Amino acid sequence: MIHEKIYSELLSLLEGEHPWMTILSTTACTLHHGFSHFHWTGFYCVSAHDVLSVGPYQGSHGCLTIPFSRGVCGAAARTQKTQWVRDVHAIEDHIACSSTTNSEVVVPLLWDGNVIAVLDVDSDIPDAFSQQDVQLLEKIAQLIAQRYPSCPSFFIR
């Protein structure tokens, strides 16, 4: 029930909006404050060839840049597939932007066959995310990438 409510709220907030940063900021805020187990919620945007840079987010400071070759965010960007990690400590190349993170979901945003950003959600609770959480994040990532094609061309690597 909460997942549908959050999605409907986000659709309402984004209605008629087009600026890319407005969309990402509003999405991060809505998700972060909608779920108590989301302790870092935000986007990393492609800023250079095979490099992600922190974008709009909610929570403590994130890593500023992440190469496609490292970490959970890098894996999502590199493979163009959702990464659902129940225990980040079991991932050899996990990048610990926060020492309290225990689980993470990262969903790539694809536009015209290219990764333009990733939606990253961390939790300090082990195995915090449900299938419904992952499905909601994927639905939102798809909505943003398809409904708001005004992303700047510099996101395309």
N, C-alpha and C. Protein backbone atom coordinates (compact mmCIF):
# COMPACT_ATOMS: atom_id res chain seq x y z
N MET A 1 0.82 -1.20 0.00
CA MET A 1 0.00 0.00 0.00
C MET A 1 0.87 1.27 0.00
N ILE A 2 1.89 1.30 0.85
CA ILE A 2 2.75 2.49 0.93
C ILE A 2 3.47 2.74 -0.39
N HIS A 3 3.82 1.68 -1.09
CA HIS A 3 4.54 1.82 -2.35
C HIS A 3 3.69 2.53 -3.40
N GLU A 4 2.41 2.16 -3.48
CA GLU A 4 1.50 2.82 -4.42
C GLU A 4 1.28 4.28 -4.02
N LYS A 5 1.18 4.52 -2.72
CA LYS A 5 0.98 5.89 -2.22
C LYS A 5 2.17 6.78 -2.58
N ILE A 6 3.38 6.27 -2.37
CA ILE A 6 4.59 7.04 -2.69
C ILE A 6 4.66 7.31 -4.19
N TYR A 7 4.36 6.29 -5.00
CA TYR A 7 4.41 6.46 -6.45
C TYR A 7 3.39 7.50 -6.91
N SER A 8 2.18 7.43 -6.38
CA SER A 8 1.13 8.40 -6.74
C SER A 8 1.52 9.81 -6.31
N GLU A 9 2.09 9.93 -5.12
CA GLU A 9 2.55 11.23 -4.63
C GLU A 9 3.62 11.80 -5.55
N LEU A 10 4.56 10.96 -5.95
CA LEU A 10 5.63 11.42 -6.83
C LEU A 10 5.08 11.85 -8.19
N LEU A 11 4.15 11.07 -8.75
CA LEU A 11 3.53 11.45 -10.03
C LEU A 11 2.87 12.82 -9.92
N SER A 12 2.17 13.05 -8.83
CA SER A 12 1.49 14.32 -8.62
C SER A 12 2.50 15.48 -8.50
N LEU A 13 3.57 15.25 -7.74
CA LEU A 13 4.58 16.30 -7.56
C LEU A 13 5.29 16.64 -8.87
N LEU A 14 5.52 15.63 -9.70
CA LEU A 14 6.29 15.85 -10.94
C LEU A 14 5.43 16.30 -12.12
N GLU A 15 4.13 16.30 -11.95
CA GLU A 15 3.23 16.68 -13.04
C GLU A 15 3.60 18.07 -13.57
N GLY A 16 3.90 18.13 -14.85
CA GLY A 16 4.21 19.40 -15.50
C GLY A 16 5.64 19.88 -15.30
N GLU A 17 6.43 19.16 -14.54
CA GLU A 17 7.83 19.55 -14.31
C GLU A 17 8.73 18.95 -15.37
N HIS A 18 9.75 19.68 -15.77
CA HIS A 18 10.67 19.19 -16.79
C HIS A 18 12.15 19.33 -16.45
N PRO A 19 12.55 20.32 -15.65
CA PRO A 19 13.99 20.43 -15.36
C PRO A 19 14.51 19.17 -14.67
N TRP A 20 15.58 18.64 -15.24
CA TRP A 20 16.16 17.37 -14.78
C TRP A 20 16.50 17.40 -13.29
N MET A 21 17.13 18.45 -12.80
CA MET A 21 17.53 18.51 -11.39
C MET A 21 16.32 18.61 -10.47
N THR A 22 15.27 19.27 -10.92
CA THR A 22 14.04 19.34 -10.14
C THR A 22 13.45 17.95 -9.97
N ILE A 23 13.43 17.20 -11.04
CA ILE A 23 12.87 15.85 -11.03
C ILE A 23 13.69 14.94 -10.11
N LEU A 24 15.01 14.97 -10.24
CA LEU A 24 15.86 14.11 -9.41
C LEU A 24 15.78 14.51 -7.94
N SER A 25 15.79 15.80 -7.66
CA SER A 25 15.73 16.28 -6.27
C SER A 25 14.42 15.90 -5.61
N THR A 26 13.33 16.10 -6.31
CA THR A 26 12.01 15.79 -5.78
C THR A 26 11.85 14.29 -5.56
N THR A 27 12.37 13.50 -6.48
CA THR A 27 12.31 12.05 -6.34
C THR A 27 13.10 11.59 -5.12
N ALA A 28 14.33 12.07 -4.97
CA ALA A 28 15.16 11.68 -3.82
C ALA A 28 14.48 12.04 -2.50
N CYS A 29 13.94 13.24 -2.42
CA CYS A 29 13.28 13.70 -1.20
C CYS A 29 12.04 12.87 -0.88
N THR A 30 11.21 12.62 -1.88
CA THR A 30 9.98 11.85 -1.68
C THR A 30 10.28 10.44 -1.20
N LEU A 31 11.24 9.79 -1.83
CA LEU A 31 11.60 8.43 -1.42
C LEU A 31 12.23 8.41 -0.03
N HIS A 32 13.15 9.30 0.21
CA HIS A 32 13.89 9.31 1.48
C HIS A 32 12.96 9.51 2.67
N HIS A 33 12.02 10.42 2.53
CA HIS A 33 11.11 10.71 3.64
C HIS A 33 9.90 9.78 3.65
N GLY A 34 9.74 8.98 2.61
CA GLY A 34 8.62 8.06 2.55
C GLY A 34 8.87 6.72 3.22
N PHE A 35 10.14 6.37 3.41
CA PHE A 35 10.50 5.07 3.97
C PHE A 35 11.52 5.25 5.09
N SER A 36 11.22 4.74 6.26
CA SER A 36 12.12 4.92 7.41
C SER A 36 13.42 4.13 7.28
N HIS A 37 13.45 3.11 6.45
CA HIS A 37 14.67 2.31 6.30
C HIS A 37 15.59 2.81 5.19
N PHE A 38 15.25 3.90 4.53
CA PHE A 38 16.12 4.51 3.52
C PHE A 38 16.97 5.56 4.24
N HIS A 39 18.27 5.30 4.46
CA HIS A 39 19.07 6.30 5.17
C HIS A 39 19.94 7.13 4.23
N TRP A 40 20.11 6.73 2.98
CA TRP A 40 20.74 7.57 1.95
C TRP A 40 20.00 7.27 0.66
N THR A 41 19.49 8.31 0.04
CA THR A 41 18.67 8.15 -1.15
C THR A 41 19.08 9.21 -2.15
N GLY A 42 19.52 8.80 -3.32
CA GLY A 42 19.91 9.81 -4.29
C GLY A 42 20.36 9.25 -5.61
N PHE A 43 20.92 10.14 -6.39
CA PHE A 43 21.33 9.82 -7.75
C PHE A 43 22.82 10.09 -7.94
N TYR A 44 23.42 9.24 -8.73
CA TYR A 44 24.75 9.49 -9.28
C TYR A 44 24.56 9.60 -10.78
N CYS A 45 25.02 10.69 -11.36
CA CYS A 45 24.84 10.95 -12.79
C CYS A 45 26.15 10.71 -13.53
N VAL A 46 26.03 10.22 -14.75
CA VAL A 46 27.21 10.03 -15.59
C VAL A 46 27.77 11.42 -15.89
N SER A 47 29.04 11.63 -15.54
CA SER A 47 29.64 12.95 -15.72
C SER A 47 30.82 12.92 -16.68
N ALA A 48 31.36 11.76 -16.93
CA ALA A 48 32.48 11.58 -17.86
C ALA A 48 32.45 10.12 -18.29
N HIS A 49 33.31 9.76 -19.20
CA HIS A 49 33.34 8.38 -19.67
C HIS A 49 33.57 7.43 -18.49
N ASP A 50 32.59 6.59 -18.22
CA ASP A 50 32.66 5.57 -17.17
C ASP A 50 32.89 6.14 -15.77
N VAL A 51 32.32 7.32 -15.50
CA VAL A 51 32.42 7.93 -14.17
C VAL A 51 31.05 8.45 -13.76
N LEU A 52 30.67 8.16 -12.52
CA LEU A 52 29.45 8.69 -11.92
C LEU A 52 29.82 9.78 -10.93
N SER A 53 29.06 10.86 -10.91
CA SER A 53 29.26 11.94 -9.93
C SER A 53 27.98 12.12 -9.14
N VAL A 54 28.13 12.43 -7.86
CA VAL A 54 26.97 12.57 -7.00
C VAL A 54 26.05 13.66 -7.53
N GLY A 55 24.76 13.36 -7.52
CA GLY A 55 23.73 14.30 -7.93
C GLY A 55 22.84 14.60 -6.73
N PRO A 56 21.60 14.97 -6.97
CA PRO A 56 20.69 15.27 -5.88
C PRO A 56 20.51 14.06 -4.95
N TYR A 57 20.54 14.31 -3.64
CA TYR A 57 20.38 13.22 -2.68
C TYR A 57 19.86 13.74 -1.35
N GLN A 58 19.45 12.80 -0.51
CA GLN A 58 19.04 13.06 0.87
C GLN A 58 19.84 12.12 1.75
N GLY A 59 20.34 12.62 2.87
CA GLY A 59 21.15 11.82 3.78
C GLY A 59 22.48 12.49 4.00
N SER A 60 23.39 11.78 4.65
CA SER A 60 24.72 12.34 4.89
C SER A 60 25.49 12.41 3.58
N HIS A 61 26.68 12.99 3.62
CA HIS A 61 27.48 13.12 2.40
C HIS A 61 27.67 11.78 1.72
N GLY A 62 27.57 11.78 0.41
CA GLY A 62 27.85 10.58 -0.37
C GLY A 62 29.25 10.67 -0.95
N CYS A 63 29.69 9.61 -1.57
CA CYS A 63 30.95 9.67 -2.31
C CYS A 63 30.76 10.66 -3.45
N LEU A 64 31.78 11.39 -3.79
CA LEU A 64 31.64 12.41 -4.84
C LEU A 64 31.72 11.82 -6.24
N THR A 65 32.62 10.89 -6.46
CA THR A 65 32.72 10.24 -7.77
C THR A 65 32.90 8.73 -7.57
N ILE A 66 32.34 7.98 -8.50
CA ILE A 66 32.43 6.52 -8.48
C ILE A 66 32.71 6.05 -9.90
N PRO A 67 33.79 5.33 -10.11
CA PRO A 67 34.04 4.78 -11.45
C PRO A 67 33.11 3.60 -11.73
N PHE A 68 32.77 3.40 -13.00
CA PHE A 68 31.94 2.26 -13.38
C PHE A 68 32.60 0.94 -12.95
N SER A 69 33.89 0.93 -12.76
CA SER A 69 34.63 -0.30 -12.47
C SER A 69 34.58 -0.72 -11.00
N ARG A 70 33.95 0.10 -10.13
CA ARG A 70 33.97 -0.22 -8.70
C ARG A 70 32.61 -0.07 -8.06
N GLY A 71 32.39 -0.88 -7.05
CA GLY A 71 31.24 -0.73 -6.19
C GLY A 71 29.91 -1.15 -6.80
N VAL A 72 28.89 -1.02 -5.98
CA VAL A 72 27.54 -1.42 -6.38
C VAL A 72 26.98 -0.45 -7.42
N CYS A 73 27.22 0.84 -7.23
CA CYS A 73 26.77 1.83 -8.22
C CYS A 73 27.47 1.60 -9.56
N GLY A 74 28.77 1.36 -9.50
CA GLY A 74 29.52 1.09 -10.72
C GLY A 74 29.01 -0.15 -11.44
N ALA A 75 28.67 -1.20 -10.67
CA ALA A 75 28.14 -2.43 -11.28
C ALA A 75 26.80 -2.18 -11.96
N ALA A 76 25.94 -1.38 -11.34
CA ALA A 76 24.64 -1.06 -11.96
C ALA A 76 24.83 -0.29 -13.26
N ALA A 77 25.76 0.66 -13.25
CA ALA A 77 26.03 1.44 -14.46
C ALA A 77 26.67 0.58 -15.55
N ARG A 78 27.60 -0.26 -15.15
CA ARG A 78 28.36 -1.09 -16.10
C ARG A 78 27.48 -2.16 -16.75
N THR A 79 26.65 -2.82 -15.94
CA THR A 79 25.82 -3.93 -16.43
C THR A 79 24.45 -3.49 -16.92
N GLN A 80 24.06 -2.26 -16.58
CA GLN A 80 22.73 -1.73 -16.87
C GLN A 80 21.64 -2.59 -16.24
N LYS A 81 21.94 -3.15 -15.07
CA LYS A 81 21.00 -3.99 -14.34
C LYS A 81 20.93 -3.55 -12.88
N THR A 82 19.74 -3.73 -12.29
CA THR A 82 19.55 -3.43 -10.88
C THR A 82 20.45 -4.29 -10.02
N GLN A 83 21.04 -3.67 -9.03
CA GLN A 83 21.86 -4.38 -8.04
C GLN A 83 21.13 -4.33 -6.70
N TRP A 84 20.74 -5.50 -6.20
CA TRP A 84 20.04 -5.61 -4.91
C TRP A 84 20.98 -6.35 -3.98
N VAL A 85 21.59 -5.63 -3.07
CA VAL A 85 22.62 -6.20 -2.20
C VAL A 85 22.09 -6.24 -0.76
N ARG A 86 21.87 -7.44 -0.28
CA ARG A 86 21.33 -7.63 1.07
C ARG A 86 22.38 -7.39 2.15
N ASP A 87 23.66 -7.63 1.82
CA ASP A 87 24.77 -7.43 2.76
C ASP A 87 25.95 -6.83 2.01
N VAL A 88 26.13 -5.53 2.14
CA VAL A 88 27.20 -4.87 1.39
C VAL A 88 28.59 -5.33 1.82
N HIS A 89 28.71 -5.85 3.03
CA HIS A 89 30.01 -6.31 3.52
C HIS A 89 30.46 -7.59 2.83
N ALA A 90 29.55 -8.26 2.15
CA ALA A 90 29.88 -9.47 1.40
C ALA A 90 30.37 -9.15 -0.02
N ILE A 91 30.29 -7.89 -0.42
CA ILE A 91 30.73 -7.46 -1.75
C ILE A 91 32.17 -6.97 -1.65
N GLU A 92 33.06 -7.64 -2.36
CA GLU A 92 34.49 -7.35 -2.24
C GLU A 92 34.84 -5.90 -2.59
N ASP A 93 34.26 -5.37 -3.66
CA ASP A 93 34.64 -4.01 -4.07
C ASP A 93 33.61 -2.95 -3.68
N HIS A 94 32.80 -3.25 -2.64
CA HIS A 94 31.84 -2.26 -2.16
C HIS A 94 32.58 -1.00 -1.72
N ILE A 95 32.07 0.15 -2.12
CA ILE A 95 32.66 1.43 -1.71
C ILE A 95 31.86 1.92 -0.51
N ALA A 96 32.50 2.01 0.62
CA ALA A 96 31.82 2.40 1.86
C ALA A 96 31.77 3.92 1.99
N CYS A 97 30.78 4.52 1.35
CA CYS A 97 30.61 5.97 1.47
C CYS A 97 30.15 6.31 2.88
N SER A 98 29.44 5.38 3.51
CA SER A 98 29.02 5.52 4.90
C SER A 98 29.33 4.22 5.63
N SER A 99 29.95 4.33 6.78
CA SER A 99 30.31 3.14 7.55
C SER A 99 29.09 2.43 8.14
N THR A 100 27.94 3.10 8.15
CA THR A 100 26.74 2.48 8.72
C THR A 100 25.91 1.71 7.71
N THR A 101 26.23 1.81 6.43
CA THR A 101 25.44 1.12 5.40
C THR A 101 25.63 -0.39 5.51
N ASN A 102 24.49 -1.10 5.49
CA ASN A 102 24.51 -2.57 5.52
C ASN A 102 23.86 -3.21 4.31
N SER A 103 22.92 -2.52 3.67
CA SER A 103 22.28 -3.05 2.47
C SER A 103 22.03 -1.91 1.50
N GLU A 104 21.84 -2.29 0.21
CA GLU A 104 21.79 -1.26 -0.83
C GLU A 104 21.04 -1.78 -2.05
N VAL A 105 20.34 -0.87 -2.71
CA VAL A 105 19.73 -1.14 -4.02
C VAL A 105 20.15 -0.01 -4.95
N VAL A 106 20.62 -0.38 -6.13
CA VAL A 106 21.00 0.61 -7.14
C VAL A 106 20.33 0.24 -8.45
N VAL A 107 19.60 1.20 -9.03
CA VAL A 107 18.86 0.99 -10.27
C VAL A 107 19.38 1.94 -11.34
N PRO A 108 19.77 1.42 -12.50
CA PRO A 108 20.24 2.31 -13.57
C PRO A 108 19.08 3.02 -14.26
N LEU A 109 19.31 4.26 -14.66
CA LEU A 109 18.37 4.99 -15.50
C LEU A 109 18.94 4.96 -16.91
N LEU A 110 18.16 4.41 -17.82
CA LEU A 110 18.61 4.24 -19.20
C LEU A 110 17.85 5.19 -20.11
N TRP A 111 18.57 5.82 -21.02
CA TRP A 111 17.97 6.69 -22.02
C TRP A 111 18.64 6.40 -23.34
N ASP A 112 17.86 5.99 -24.31
CA ASP A 112 18.38 5.68 -25.64
C ASP A 112 19.51 4.65 -25.59
N GLY A 113 19.34 3.65 -24.71
CA GLY A 113 20.31 2.57 -24.61
C GLY A 113 21.56 2.87 -23.80
N ASN A 114 21.62 4.05 -23.20
CA ASN A 114 22.78 4.45 -22.40
C ASN A 114 22.40 4.70 -20.95
N VAL A 115 23.30 4.41 -20.05
CA VAL A 115 23.11 4.77 -18.65
C VAL A 115 23.35 6.27 -18.53
N ILE A 116 22.38 6.98 -17.95
CA ILE A 116 22.54 8.41 -17.73
C ILE A 116 22.72 8.73 -16.25
N ALA A 117 22.26 7.80 -15.40
CA ALA A 117 22.36 7.99 -13.95
C ALA A 117 22.01 6.67 -13.28
N VAL A 118 22.23 6.62 -11.98
CA VAL A 118 21.74 5.49 -11.18
C VAL A 118 21.02 6.06 -9.97
N LEU A 119 19.96 5.39 -9.57
CA LEU A 119 19.23 5.70 -8.35
C LEU A 119 19.78 4.77 -7.28
N ASP A 120 20.35 5.34 -6.23
CA ASP A 120 21.03 4.57 -5.18
C ASP A 120 20.30 4.77 -3.86
N VAL A 121 19.95 3.66 -3.20
CA VAL A 121 19.32 3.72 -1.89
C VAL A 121 20.09 2.81 -0.95
N ASP A 122 20.52 3.37 0.17
CA ASP A 122 21.26 2.62 1.19
C ASP A 122 20.43 2.53 2.47
N SER A 123 20.68 1.47 3.23
CA SER A 123 20.06 1.32 4.53
C SER A 123 21.09 0.85 5.54
N ASP A 124 20.93 1.31 6.78
CA ASP A 124 21.81 0.84 7.84
C ASP A 124 21.31 -0.49 8.42
N ILE A 125 20.18 -0.96 7.95
CA ILE A 125 19.60 -2.23 8.39
C ILE A 125 20.03 -3.33 7.42
N PRO A 126 20.54 -4.45 7.93
CA PRO A 126 20.88 -5.55 7.03
C PRO A 126 19.62 -6.09 6.33
N ASP A 127 19.75 -6.44 5.06
CA ASP A 127 18.65 -7.03 4.28
C ASP A 127 17.36 -6.22 4.43
N ALA A 128 17.48 -4.91 4.30
CA ALA A 128 16.38 -4.00 4.59
C ALA A 128 15.31 -3.93 3.51
N PHE A 129 15.68 -4.25 2.28
CA PHE A 129 14.80 -3.96 1.15
C PHE A 129 13.96 -5.17 0.75
N SER A 130 12.69 -4.90 0.46
CA SER A 130 11.76 -5.93 0.01
C SER A 130 11.69 -5.94 -1.52
N GLN A 131 11.08 -6.97 -2.04
CA GLN A 131 10.84 -7.04 -3.48
C GLN A 131 10.00 -5.85 -3.93
N GLN A 132 9.05 -5.43 -3.10
CA GLN A 132 8.21 -4.27 -3.42
C GLN A 132 9.04 -2.99 -3.48
N ASP A 133 10.01 -2.86 -2.59
CA ASP A 133 10.91 -1.69 -2.63
C ASP A 133 11.66 -1.65 -3.96
N VAL A 134 12.24 -2.78 -4.32
CA VAL A 134 13.03 -2.86 -5.56
C VAL A 134 12.15 -2.57 -6.77
N GLN A 135 10.96 -3.15 -6.80
CA GLN A 135 10.05 -2.92 -7.93
C GLN A 135 9.65 -1.45 -8.03
N LEU A 136 9.42 -0.80 -6.89
CA LEU A 136 9.08 0.62 -6.90
C LEU A 136 10.24 1.45 -7.45
N LEU A 137 11.44 1.18 -6.98
CA LEU A 137 12.61 1.92 -7.45
C LEU A 137 12.82 1.74 -8.95
N GLU A 138 12.62 0.53 -9.44
CA GLU A 138 12.75 0.27 -10.88
C GLU A 138 11.67 1.01 -11.67
N LYS A 139 10.46 1.02 -11.14
CA LYS A 139 9.35 1.71 -11.80
C LYS A 139 9.62 3.22 -11.87
N ILE A 140 10.14 3.77 -10.79
CA ILE A 140 10.45 5.20 -10.75
C ILE A 140 11.61 5.54 -11.69
N ALA A 141 12.64 4.71 -11.71
CA ALA A 141 13.77 4.95 -12.61
C ALA A 141 13.32 4.93 -14.07
N GLN A 142 12.46 3.98 -14.40
CA GLN A 142 11.94 3.88 -15.76
C GLN A 142 11.08 5.10 -16.09
N LEU A 143 10.25 5.52 -15.15
CA LEU A 143 9.41 6.71 -15.35
C LEU A 143 10.27 7.93 -15.65
N ILE A 144 11.28 8.16 -14.84
CA ILE A 144 12.13 9.34 -15.02
C ILE A 144 12.83 9.31 -16.37
N ALA A 145 13.42 8.18 -16.70
CA ALA A 145 14.19 8.08 -17.94
C ALA A 145 13.32 8.17 -19.19
N GLN A 146 12.10 7.66 -19.13
CA GLN A 146 11.24 7.64 -20.31
C GLN A 146 10.34 8.86 -20.41
N ARG A 147 9.85 9.33 -19.28
CA ARG A 147 8.88 10.42 -19.30
C ARG A 147 9.53 11.79 -19.38
N TYR A 148 10.76 11.86 -18.95
CA TYR A 148 11.45 13.14 -18.90
C TYR A 148 12.73 13.08 -19.73
N PRO A 149 12.58 13.03 -21.05
CA PRO A 149 13.75 12.87 -21.92
C PRO A 149 14.55 14.15 -22.12
N SER A 150 14.34 15.13 -21.26
CA SER A 150 15.04 16.41 -21.41
C SER A 150 16.42 16.39 -20.76
N CYS A 151 16.92 15.19 -20.45
CA CYS A 151 18.22 15.13 -19.79
C CYS A 151 19.28 15.75 -20.69
N PRO A 152 20.20 16.48 -20.11
CA PRO A 152 21.26 17.10 -20.91
C PRO A 152 22.10 16.06 -21.63
N SER A 153 22.55 16.40 -22.80
CA SER A 153 23.33 15.46 -23.60
C SER A 153 24.65 15.11 -22.95
N PHE A 154 25.12 15.92 -22.00
CA PHE A 154 26.40 15.59 -21.36
C PHE A 154 26.31 14.37 -20.45
N PHE A 155 25.09 13.89 -20.17
CA PHE A 155 24.96 12.66 -19.39
C PHE A 155 25.30 11.43 -20.23
N ILE A 156 25.24 11.56 -21.54
CA ILE A 156 25.48 10.41 -22.41
C ILE A 156 26.97 10.21 -22.58
N ARG A 157 27.41 9.01 -22.26
CA ARG A 157 28.86 8.74 -22.34
C ARG A 157 29.25 8.30 -23.72
